[in-house]
Amino acid sequence: MRAKYLIAILLVCASLLLAKTYTITLSEPSKVAGTELKPGSYSLKIEGDKAIFLDRTRKPVVETQVKIENANRKFDATAIEFRKESGGNRIQAISLGGSKMKLVFD
């Protein structure tokens, strides 16, 4: 009985460790998945094909599907690509510094 609980706890801990988290900073209001993010720092958590933006208190602000592209080499720094829409910015892609991942948003 105890072994089952121990295995369940280990699986939950492993899944939390496998989720990768990055920090991004927005200097202007920007939209992602129809939600406007205010300027500031956010944690960006990647779980499979989902990107979750977390505020300073680690509360989810927006969760969206993302296409992950892998580059040939690691990105030196995090870079955010924007598209101007209706007088504002929409996040189109994020290249994650220190990784080979580029997140592409629809």
Protein backbone atom coordinates (compact mmCIF):
# COMPACT_ATOMS: atom_id res chain seq x y z
CA MET A 1 0.00 0.00 0.00
CA ARG A 2 2.78 2.43 0.93
CA ALA A 3 4.63 1.51 -2.24
CA LYS A 4 1.67 2.68 -4.36
CA TYR A 5 1.61 6.04 -2.61
CA LEU A 6 5.35 6.43 -2.96
CA ILE A 7 5.19 5.65 -6.68
CA ALA A 8 2.33 8.14 -7.17
CA ILE A 9 4.27 10.87 -5.35
CA LEU A 10 7.40 10.17 -7.40
CA LEU A 11 5.43 10.39 -10.66
CA VAL A 12 3.93 13.75 -9.69
CA CYS A 13 7.35 15.12 -8.70
CA ALA A 14 8.92 13.85 -11.94
CA SER A 15 6.24 15.51 -14.06
CA LEU A 16 6.81 18.82 -12.28
CA LEU A 17 10.55 18.60 -12.85
CA LEU A 18 10.14 17.82 -16.55
CA ALA A 19 8.18 21.03 -17.20
CA LYS A 20 10.68 23.64 -18.37
CA THR A 21 10.37 27.23 -17.16
CA TYR A 22 11.92 30.34 -18.72
CA THR A 23 11.75 34.04 -17.82
CA ILE A 24 10.70 36.65 -20.37
CA THR A 25 10.32 40.41 -20.05
CA LEU A 26 7.85 42.50 -22.04
CA SER A 27 8.54 46.21 -22.42
CA GLU A 28 5.15 46.97 -24.02
CA PRO A 29 1.63 45.53 -23.70
CA SER A 30 1.44 42.44 -25.91
CA LYS A 31 -1.24 39.93 -26.83
CA VAL A 32 -0.94 36.18 -26.90
CA ALA A 33 -3.91 33.87 -27.57
CA GLY A 34 -6.27 36.86 -27.37
CA THR A 35 -5.10 37.84 -23.86
CA GLU A 36 -3.25 41.09 -23.29
CA LEU A 37 -0.13 40.85 -21.15
CA LYS A 38 0.98 44.00 -19.38
CA PRO A 39 4.64 45.09 -19.47
CA GLY A 40 6.80 43.22 -16.97
CA SER A 41 8.44 39.88 -16.26
CA TYR A 42 6.67 36.57 -16.76
CA SER A 43 7.62 32.97 -16.24
CA LEU A 44 6.97 30.89 -19.32
CA LYS A 45 6.32 27.23 -18.54
CA ILE A 46 6.45 24.66 -21.36
CA GLU A 47 4.43 21.48 -20.89
CA GLY A 48 4.39 19.38 -24.04
CA ASP A 49 2.80 21.53 -26.74
CA LYS A 50 1.39 24.09 -24.28
CA ALA A 51 2.90 27.38 -23.19
CA ILE A 52 1.73 28.80 -19.87
CA PHE A 53 2.49 32.43 -18.96
CA LEU A 54 2.74 32.95 -15.19
CA ASP A 55 2.79 36.30 -13.38
CA ARG A 56 5.12 37.28 -10.51
CA THR A 57 2.98 35.38 -8.02
CA ARG A 58 3.23 32.23 -10.21
CA LYS A 59 -0.47 32.41 -11.10
CA PRO A 60 -1.30 31.41 -14.69
CA VAL A 61 -2.23 34.39 -16.86
CA VAL A 62 -2.77 32.59 -20.16
CA GLU A 63 -2.32 29.05 -21.47
CA THR A 64 -2.12 28.34 -25.19
CA GLN A 65 -1.10 25.76 -27.76
CA VAL A 66 2.32 26.34 -29.27
CA LYS A 67 4.33 24.84 -32.08
CA ILE A 68 7.88 24.00 -30.98
CA GLU A 69 10.65 24.28 -33.56
CA ASN A 70 14.18 23.09 -32.82
CA ALA A 71 17.19 25.02 -34.11
CA ASN A 72 20.59 23.55 -35.00
CA ARG A 73 22.29 25.38 -32.14
CA LYS A 74 21.33 26.99 -28.85
CA PHE A 75 20.06 30.57 -28.87
CA ASP A 76 22.39 33.01 -27.10
CA ALA A 77 19.55 35.08 -25.67
CA THR A 78 15.78 35.05 -25.48
CA ALA A 79 14.19 36.98 -28.35
CA ILE A 80 10.51 37.76 -28.87
CA GLU A 81 9.08 38.33 -32.34
CA PHE A 82 6.04 40.60 -32.55
CA ARG A 83 3.48 41.44 -35.20
CA LYS A 84 1.75 44.83 -35.12
CA GLU A 85 -2.03 44.38 -35.07
CA SER A 86 -4.73 46.96 -34.42
CA GLY A 87 -2.29 49.38 -32.85
CA GLY A 88 -0.77 46.77 -30.53
CA ASN A 89 1.74 43.95 -30.45
CA ARG A 90 0.93 40.27 -30.85
CA ILE A 91 3.56 37.73 -29.85
CA GLN A 92 4.34 35.66 -32.92
CA ALA A 93 7.35 33.62 -31.72
CA ILE A 94 9.81 33.33 -28.83
CA SER A 95 13.35 31.97 -29.20
CA LEU A 96 14.42 30.73 -25.78
CA GLY A 97 17.97 31.67 -24.76
CA GLY A 98 20.13 28.76 -23.63
CA SER A 99 17.99 26.26 -25.54
CA LYS A 100 17.37 25.16 -29.12
CA MET A 101 13.62 25.80 -28.83
CA LYS A 102 11.64 28.38 -30.73
CA LEU A 103 7.97 28.68 -29.76
CA VAL A 104 5.64 29.68 -32.59
CA PHE A 105 2.19 31.04 -31.66
CA ASP A 106 -0.80 30.98 -34.04
